[in-house]
Amino acid sequence: MLPGVVQVEWALNLGRQLLKLDGGFAGMEVLKFQQLVRPGDEIQLHLRFDAERGKLYFAYRNDTATCSSGRILLGPAHA
């Protein structure tokens, strides 16, 4: 199974890389782990950044449902 902490870490790292985010980790909101992700499962990660609120929205989805979702709060950029 893919642990929730790994899902959050992947979302944060890929958000920083793909969306060019550089804010420091400031917390998490509304984490929901609705379905287990098992070896061999095909999932997609959906990312959206709200710059006004400093929130990275993420959702892992398979063909039929959302597996997990949440918001990662980003603070000021690292110096």
Protein backbone atom coordinates (compact mmCIF):
# COMPACT_ATOMS: atom_id res chain seq x y z
CA MET A 1 0.00 0.00 0.00
CA LEU A 2 1.09 3.56 -0.68
CA PRO A 3 1.27 5.37 2.69
CA GLY A 4 -0.50 8.71 3.03
CA VAL A 5 2.70 10.47 4.09
CA VAL A 6 4.30 9.41 0.78
CA GLN A 7 1.30 10.68 -1.19
CA VAL A 8 1.59 14.10 0.48
CA GLU A 9 5.37 14.21 -0.06
CA TRP A 10 4.99 13.33 -3.75
CA ALA A 11 2.30 15.99 -4.21
CA LEU A 12 4.47 18.64 -2.55
CA ASN A 13 7.63 17.72 -4.46
CA LEU A 14 5.87 17.46 -7.83
CA GLY A 15 3.97 20.70 -7.18
CA ARG A 16 7.24 22.49 -6.48
CA GLN A 17 8.85 21.03 -9.59
CA LEU A 18 6.00 21.26 -12.11
CA LEU A 19 4.32 24.46 -10.88
CA LYS A 20 7.58 26.21 -9.93
CA LEU A 21 6.57 26.64 -6.27
CA ASP A 22 9.19 27.66 -3.74
CA GLY A 23 7.27 28.38 -0.55
CA GLY A 24 8.13 26.54 2.64
CA PHE A 25 5.82 23.88 4.07
CA ALA A 26 3.36 25.54 6.48
CA GLY A 27 0.80 22.80 7.15
CA MET A 28 -2.00 20.71 5.71
CA GLU A 29 -5.78 20.96 5.56
CA VAL A 30 -8.69 18.64 4.80
CA LEU A 31 -6.69 15.47 4.17
CA LYS A 32 -8.91 12.62 3.03
CA PHE A 33 -7.71 9.09 2.33
CA GLN A 34 -10.73 7.38 0.81
CA GLN A 35 -9.30 4.35 -1.02
CA LEU A 36 -6.17 2.28 -0.59
CA VAL A 37 -3.55 2.56 -3.33
CA ARG A 38 -2.06 -0.89 -3.87
CA PRO A 39 0.94 -2.03 -5.93
CA GLY A 40 -0.03 -2.12 -9.59
CA ASP A 41 -2.87 0.41 -9.23
CA GLU A 42 -2.86 3.10 -11.90
CA ILE A 43 -3.50 6.54 -10.44
CA GLN A 44 -3.24 10.13 -11.61
CA LEU A 45 -2.15 13.07 -9.50
CA HIS A 46 -4.07 16.31 -10.07
CA LEU A 47 -2.45 19.52 -8.78
CA ARG A 48 -3.72 23.10 -8.58
CA PHE A 49 -2.08 26.04 -6.83
CA ASP A 50 -4.03 28.98 -5.42
CA ALA A 51 -1.37 31.70 -5.19
CA GLU A 52 -3.66 34.13 -3.38
CA ARG A 53 -4.16 31.69 -0.50
CA GLY A 54 -0.80 29.90 -0.73
CA LYS A 55 -2.49 26.51 -1.03
CA LEU A 56 -1.55 23.54 -3.19
CA TYR A 57 -4.62 21.39 -3.85
CA PHE A 58 -3.96 17.76 -4.71
CA ALA A 59 -6.02 14.69 -5.55
CA TYR A 60 -4.97 11.17 -6.47
CA ARG A 61 -7.56 9.46 -8.68
CA ASN A 62 -7.99 6.08 -10.29
CA ASP A 63 -10.40 5.33 -13.15
CA THR A 64 -13.47 5.32 -10.92
CA ALA A 65 -12.91 7.45 -7.82
CA THR A 66 -10.74 9.80 -5.80
CA CYS A 67 -8.25 7.85 -3.67
CA SER A 68 -7.02 10.80 -1.60
CA SER A 69 -7.06 14.58 -1.58
CA GLY A 70 -6.10 17.59 0.48
CA ARG A 71 -4.47 21.00 0.65
CA ILE A 72 -0.84 21.74 1.44
CA LEU A 73 -0.20 25.20 2.87
CA LEU A 74 2.90 27.00 1.67
CA GLY A 75 4.54 29.87 3.50
CA PRO A 76 7.14 32.38 2.36
CA ALA A 77 9.87 31.19 0.00
CA HIS A 78 13.07 29.86 1.52
CA ALA A 79 15.89 32.41 1.53
